[in-house]
């Protein structure tokens, strides 16, 4: 199993095109947030703010959170709630699996070919009384096994 998922992060130009298709403007702040998210991949609003400040940009935490939420609501990004009660956002809108490190409260993409299709096939065979399946996300919960994997 390969740990690294294929590149599924939209470039700046692809991001502009996606925004246009979703009826959103490519504002300076949205572009700055996406630039930070391209580096971070999975991040909270606070992490994006720190990355922007590191590069000399001033954007308020509330603006960043609102931009990330709007992009998630528009299905440009997705939300990744953590067990640590922090909301993370995923720069990729493409379906893929994740490793969630419970101890360090971090996400990373993982390449498990065919896992989403397999899970979808298995779930579609089942009925859940009183519920309709909206989506299927694969999240593999892990913890570090070596001291080198701990923050």
Protein backbone atom coordinates (compact mmCIF):
# COMPACT_ATOMS: atom_id res chain seq x y z
CA UNK A 1 0.00 0.00 0.00
CA UNK A 2 1.35 3.38 -0.98
CA UNK A 3 1.08 6.02 1.72
CA UNK A 4 1.15 9.00 -0.63
CA UNK A 5 -2.03 9.67 -2.55
CA UNK A 6 -1.80 10.91 -6.14
CA UNK A 7 -1.64 14.67 -6.57
CA UNK A 8 -5.22 15.86 -6.11
CA UNK A 9 -4.56 19.46 -5.11
CA UNK A 10 -5.89 22.04 -7.57
CA UNK A 11 -3.27 24.45 -8.89
CA UNK A 12 -3.95 28.18 -8.62
CA UNK A 13 -5.29 28.23 -12.20
CA UNK A 14 -7.47 25.14 -11.61
CA UNK A 15 -8.72 26.76 -8.39
CA UNK A 16 -9.77 29.92 -10.30
CA UNK A 17 -11.64 27.75 -12.81
CA UNK A 18 -13.36 25.78 -10.03
CA UNK A 19 -14.42 29.02 -8.32
CA UNK A 20 -15.83 30.39 -11.58
CA UNK A 21 -17.82 27.16 -12.15
CA UNK A 22 -19.24 27.45 -8.62
CA UNK A 23 -20.22 31.10 -9.16
CA UNK A 24 -17.57 32.42 -6.75
CA UNK A 25 -15.12 35.23 -7.42
CA UNK A 26 -11.38 34.66 -7.23
CA UNK A 27 -10.81 37.31 -4.57
CA UNK A 28 -7.36 38.13 -3.25
CA UNK A 29 -8.21 36.58 0.13
CA UNK A 30 -9.55 33.36 -1.40
CA UNK A 31 -6.42 33.05 -3.52
CA UNK A 32 -4.19 33.63 -0.49
CA UNK A 33 -6.09 31.02 1.53
CA UNK A 34 -5.79 28.52 -1.34
CA UNK A 35 -2.06 29.23 -1.67
CA UNK A 36 -1.63 28.35 2.02
CA UNK A 37 -3.87 25.29 1.69
CA UNK A 38 -1.81 24.04 -1.28
CA UNK A 39 1.12 23.75 1.13
CA UNK A 40 -0.81 22.53 4.17
CA UNK A 41 -3.31 20.17 2.44
CA UNK A 42 -5.32 19.57 5.66
CA UNK A 43 -5.54 22.55 7.99
CA UNK A 44 -7.57 24.45 10.53
CA UNK A 45 -8.28 28.17 10.11
CA UNK A 46 -5.60 28.87 12.73
CA UNK A 47 -3.01 26.91 10.76
CA UNK A 48 -3.89 28.83 7.57
CA UNK A 49 -3.63 32.14 9.47
CA UNK A 50 -0.17 31.19 10.77
CA UNK A 51 0.99 30.21 7.25
CA UNK A 52 -0.29 33.51 5.81
CA UNK A 53 1.34 35.54 8.59
CA UNK A 54 4.59 33.66 7.98
CA UNK A 55 4.43 34.99 4.40
CA UNK A 56 3.63 38.54 5.54
CA UNK A 57 -0.12 38.55 4.81
CA UNK A 58 -2.71 39.87 7.25
CA UNK A 59 -6.11 38.14 7.12
CA UNK A 60 -8.37 37.83 10.15
CA UNK A 61 -9.16 34.42 11.64
CA UNK A 62 -12.88 34.97 11.07
CA UNK A 63 -12.31 35.81 7.39
CA UNK A 64 -10.19 32.70 6.93
CA UNK A 65 -12.76 30.48 8.67
CA UNK A 66 -15.57 32.01 6.57
CA UNK A 67 -13.62 31.46 3.34
CA UNK A 68 -12.79 27.85 4.26
CA UNK A 69 -16.42 27.19 5.25
CA UNK A 70 -17.75 28.74 2.05
CA UNK A 71 -15.33 26.65 -0.03
CA UNK A 72 -16.42 23.51 1.84
CA UNK A 73 -20.12 24.40 1.45
CA UNK A 74 -19.48 24.83 -2.29
CA UNK A 75 -17.68 21.46 -2.37
CA UNK A 76 -14.41 23.02 -3.50
CA UNK A 77 -12.80 21.83 -0.23
CA UNK A 78 -14.12 19.35 2.29
CA UNK A 79 -14.37 19.36 6.07
CA UNK A 80 -12.45 16.93 8.25
CA UNK A 81 -13.61 17.04 11.87
CA UNK A 82 -10.97 15.74 14.25
CA UNK A 83 -11.37 13.86 17.49
CA UNK A 84 -9.63 16.82 19.11
CA UNK A 85 -12.76 18.93 18.42
CA UNK A 86 -10.94 21.01 15.80
CA UNK A 87 -12.35 21.53 12.31
CA UNK A 88 -9.86 20.83 9.56
CA UNK A 89 -10.39 21.55 5.89
CA UNK A 90 -9.09 19.44 3.01
CA UNK A 91 -7.83 21.31 -0.06
CA UNK A 92 -8.93 18.51 -2.37
CA UNK A 93 -12.50 18.05 -3.46
CA UNK A 94 -11.57 14.72 -5.09
CA UNK A 95 -12.66 11.55 -3.26
CA UNK A 96 -9.72 9.94 -1.45
CA UNK A 97 -8.89 8.09 1.75
CA UNK A 98 -7.18 9.54 4.83
CA UNK A 99 -5.00 8.44 7.69
CA UNK A 100 -6.00 10.25 10.86
CA UNK A 101 -3.30 10.30 13.53
CA UNK A 102 -5.35 10.44 16.71
CA UNK A 103 -2.36 11.22 18.93
CA UNK A 104 -1.07 14.16 16.87
CA UNK A 105 -4.51 15.25 15.59
CA UNK A 106 -3.34 15.30 11.96
CA UNK A 107 -4.58 14.03 8.61
CA UNK A 108 -2.75 12.81 5.57
CA UNK A 109 -3.88 11.48 2.23
CA UNK A 110 -3.34 7.80 1.65
CA UNK A 111 -3.43 5.91 -1.62
CA UNK A 112 -5.41 2.69 -1.29
CA UNK A 113 -6.44 1.94 -4.88
CA UNK A 114 -10.09 0.99 -5.24
CA UNK A 115 -11.01 1.35 -1.55
CA UNK A 116 -13.70 3.99 -2.11
CA UNK A 117 -15.31 1.98 -4.90
CA UNK A 118 -15.19 -1.21 -2.83
CA UNK A 119 -16.72 0.50 0.22
CA UNK A 120 -19.44 2.12 -1.90
CA UNK A 121 -20.35 -1.25 -3.43
CA UNK A 122 -20.50 -2.90 0.00
CA UNK A 123 -22.57 -0.11 1.58
CA UNK A 124 -25.02 0.11 -1.34
CA UNK A 125 -25.90 -3.55 -0.72
CA UNK A 126 -27.14 -2.68 2.79
CA UNK A 127 -30.19 -0.83 4.01
CA UNK A 128 -30.17 1.31 7.12
CA UNK A 129 -33.69 1.63 8.49
CA UNK A 130 -34.69 5.27 8.71
CA UNK A 131 -31.55 6.51 6.96
CA UNK A 132 -30.40 7.25 3.45
CA UNK A 133 -26.65 7.08 2.72
CA UNK A 134 -25.46 10.53 1.73
CA UNK A 135 -21.74 9.92 1.33
CA UNK A 136 -18.99 7.49 2.23
CA UNK A 137 -15.63 8.67 3.51
CA UNK A 138 -12.72 6.40 4.29
CA UNK A 139 -10.75 7.46 7.35
CA UNK A 140 -8.19 5.08 8.80
CA UNK A 141 -7.53 5.99 12.43
CA UNK A 142 -3.95 5.37 13.49
CA UNK A 143 -1.46 6.17 16.22
CA UNK A 144 2.33 6.41 15.92
CA UNK A 145 4.25 3.20 16.45
CA UNK A 146 7.70 4.77 16.56
CA UNK A 147 8.98 7.72 18.55
CA UNK A 148 10.00 9.29 15.25
CA UNK A 149 6.36 9.61 14.21
CA UNK A 150 5.36 11.68 17.24
CA UNK A 151 5.30 15.45 17.19
